[in-house]
C-alpha atoms as a PDB file:
ATOM      1  CA  MET A   1      89.264  96.867 104.260  1.00  0.00           C
ATOM      2  CA  LYS A   2      88.898  93.213 105.212  1.00  0.00           C
ATOM      3  CA  SER A   3      88.213  92.344 101.590  1.00  0.00           C
ATOM      4  CA  LEU A   4      91.388  94.212 100.585  1.00  0.00           C
ATOM      5  CA  GLY A   5      93.308  91.994 102.980  1.00  0.00           C
ATOM      6  CA  LYS A   6      91.997  88.945 101.138  1.00  0.00           C
ATOM      7  CA  VAL A   7      92.966  90.389  97.768  1.00  0.00           C
ATOM      8  CA  SER A   8      96.383  91.528  99.018  1.00  0.00           C
ATOM      9  CA  ARG A   9      97.434  88.015 100.026  1.00  0.00           C
ATOM     10  CA  LYS A  10      98.391  87.604  96.377  1.00  0.00           C
ATOM     11  CA  LEU A  11     100.633  90.684  96.640  1.00  0.00           C
ATOM     12  CA  LYS A  12     103.457  89.202  98.705  1.00  0.00           C
ATOM     13  CA  PRO A  13     105.680  92.307  99.100  1.00  0.00           C
ATOM     14  CA  VAL A  14     102.832  94.485 100.447  1.00  0.00           C
ATOM     15  CA  LEU A  15     102.060  95.180 104.094  1.00  0.00           C
ATOM     16  CA  ILE A  16      98.639  96.624 104.894  1.00  0.00           C
ATOM     17  CA  ALA A  17      98.069  98.326 108.235  1.00  0.00           C
ATOM     18  CA  LYS A  18      95.171 100.068 109.925  1.00  0.00           C
ATOM     19  CA  VAL A  19      95.775 102.833 112.491  1.00  0.00           C
ATOM     20  CA  ASP A  20      93.224 103.991 115.067  1.00  0.00           C
ATOM     21  CA  CYS A  21      93.824 107.733 115.325  1.00  0.00           C
ATOM     22  CA  ASP A  22      92.112 107.904 118.709  1.00  0.00           C
ATOM     23  CA  ASP A  23      94.782 105.582 120.104  1.00  0.00           C
ATOM     24  CA  HIS A  24      97.708 106.826 117.972  1.00  0.00           C
ATOM     25  CA  LYS A  25      97.251 110.592 117.688  1.00  0.00           C
ATOM     26  CA  LEU A  26     100.956 111.309 117.139  1.00  0.00           C
ATOM     27  CA  VAL A  27     101.159 108.966 114.152  1.00  0.00           C
ATOM     28  CA  CYS A  28      98.068 110.507 112.571  1.00  0.00           C
ATOM     29  CA  CYS A  29      99.332 114.022 113.233  1.00  0.00           C
ATOM     30  CA  LYS A  30     102.751 113.188 111.745  1.00  0.00           C
ATOM     31  CA  TYR A  31     101.197 111.959 108.490  1.00  0.00           C
ATOM     32  CA  GLY A  32      98.478 114.603 108.233  1.00  0.00           C
ATOM     33  CA  VAL A  33      95.482 112.366 108.810  1.00  0.00           C
ATOM     34  CA  SER A  34      92.550 114.645 109.610  1.00  0.00           C
ATOM     35  CA  ARG A  35      89.550 112.815 108.145  1.00  0.00           C
ATOM     36  CA  TYR A  36      88.552 109.225 107.756  1.00  0.00           C
ATOM     37  CA  PRO A  37      89.163 107.046 105.966  1.00  0.00           C
ATOM     38  CA  THR A  38      92.561 108.282 104.808  1.00  0.00           C
ATOM     39  CA  ILE A  39      94.565 105.869 102.689  1.00  0.00           C
ATOM     40  CA  GLN A  40      98.259 106.431 102.156  1.00  0.00           C
ATOM     41  CA  TRP A  41     100.832 104.455 100.201  1.00  0.00           C
ATOM     42  CA  PHE A  42     104.387 104.245 101.506  1.00  0.00           C
ATOM     43  CA  PRO A  43     106.697 103.119  98.699  1.00  0.00           C
ATOM     44  CA  LYS A  44     109.256 100.583  99.872  1.00  0.00           C
ATOM     45  CA  GLY A  45     112.027 102.287 101.806  1.00  0.00           C
ATOM     46  CA  SER A  46     110.202 105.615 102.038  1.00  0.00           C
ATOM     47  CA  LEU A  47     108.853 107.345 105.122  1.00  0.00           C
ATOM     48  CA  GLU A  48     106.977 109.839 102.959  1.00  0.00           C
ATOM     49  CA  PRO A  49     103.461 108.734 102.056  1.00  0.00           C
ATOM     50  CA  VAL A  50     101.610 109.231  98.795  1.00  0.00           C
ATOM     51  CA  LYS A  51      97.940 109.978  99.401  1.00  0.00           C
ATOM     52  CA  TYR A  52      95.584 107.577  97.620  1.00  0.00           C
ATOM     53  CA  GLU A  53      92.738 109.461  95.923  1.00  0.00           C
ATOM     54  CA  GLY A  54      91.072 106.639  93.982  1.00  0.00           C
ATOM     55  CA  PRO A  55      87.869 104.643  94.516  1.00  0.00           C
ATOM     56  CA  ARG A  56      87.322 103.086  97.961  1.00  0.00           C
ATOM     57  CA  ASN A  57      86.743  99.452  97.063  1.00  0.00           C
ATOM     58  CA  ALA A  58      88.973  96.393  97.302  1.00  0.00           C
ATOM     59  CA  GLU A  59      89.356  95.918  93.553  1.00  0.00           C
ATOM     60  CA  ALA A  60      90.449  99.520  92.922  1.00  0.00           C
ATOM     61  CA  LEU A  61      92.865  99.511  95.854  1.00  0.00           C
ATOM     62  CA  ALA A  62      94.330  96.170  94.792  1.00  0.00           C
ATOM     63  CA  GLY A  63      94.793  97.513  91.255  1.00  0.00           C
ATOM     64  CA  TYR A  64      96.564 100.606  92.576  1.00  0.00           C
ATOM     65  CA  VAL A  65      98.837  98.570  94.849  1.00  0.00           C
ATOM     66  CA  THR A  66      99.604  96.087  92.068  1.00  0.00           C
ATOM     67  CA  LYS A  67     100.571  98.948  89.734  1.00  0.00           C
ATOM     68  CA  GLU A  68     102.827 100.477  92.393  1.00  0.00           C
ATOM     69  CA  VAL A  69     104.496  97.134  93.180  1.00  0.00           C
ATOM     70  CA  VAL A  70     105.107  96.460  89.488  1.00  0.00           C
ATOM     71  CA  LEU A  71     106.646  99.938  89.121  1.00  0.00           C
ATOM     72  CA  LEU A  72     108.946  99.215  92.072  1.00  0.00           C
ATOM     73  CA  LEU A  73     110.072  96.020  90.394  1.00  0.00           C
ATOM     74  CA  ILE A  74     110.577  97.530  86.936  1.00  0.00           C
ATOM     75  CA  VAL A  75     112.033 100.967  87.659  1.00  0.00           C
ATOM     76  CA  PRO A  76     115.050  99.887  89.764  1.00  0.00           C
ATOM     77  CA  ASN A  77     116.089  97.315  87.155  1.00  0.00           C
ATOM     78  CA  THR A  78     115.686  99.830  84.353  1.00  0.00           C
ATOM     79  CA  ARG A  79     117.612 102.511  86.250  1.00  0.00           C
ATOM     80  CA  SER A  80     120.500 100.183  87.094  1.00  0.00           C
ATOM     81  CA  HIS A  81     120.581  99.134  83.455  1.00  0.00           C
ATOM     82  CA  PHE A  82     121.174 102.759  82.411  1.00  0.00           C
ATOM     83  CA  LEU A  83     123.743 103.374  85.153  1.00  0.00           C
ATOM     84  CA  SER A  84     125.973 100.458  84.181  1.00  0.00           C
END
């Protein structure tokens, strides 16, 4: 995950966090973490995670995050365009 941190520096609107389930059992229980590593994506403004099922390397994770960030930037603008 350290290499993902290096890659994610280019992705300004993204926060990456690591949770130790031994120290934070309630958090892990709340989000259904039962095996390790578990990677979850929380879209901006959402408290409901999307479970990441892709490859476990920095490049794949960065690609996934980049795609999600781009969708967040495009979809709201497109939706507001249709609503006006």
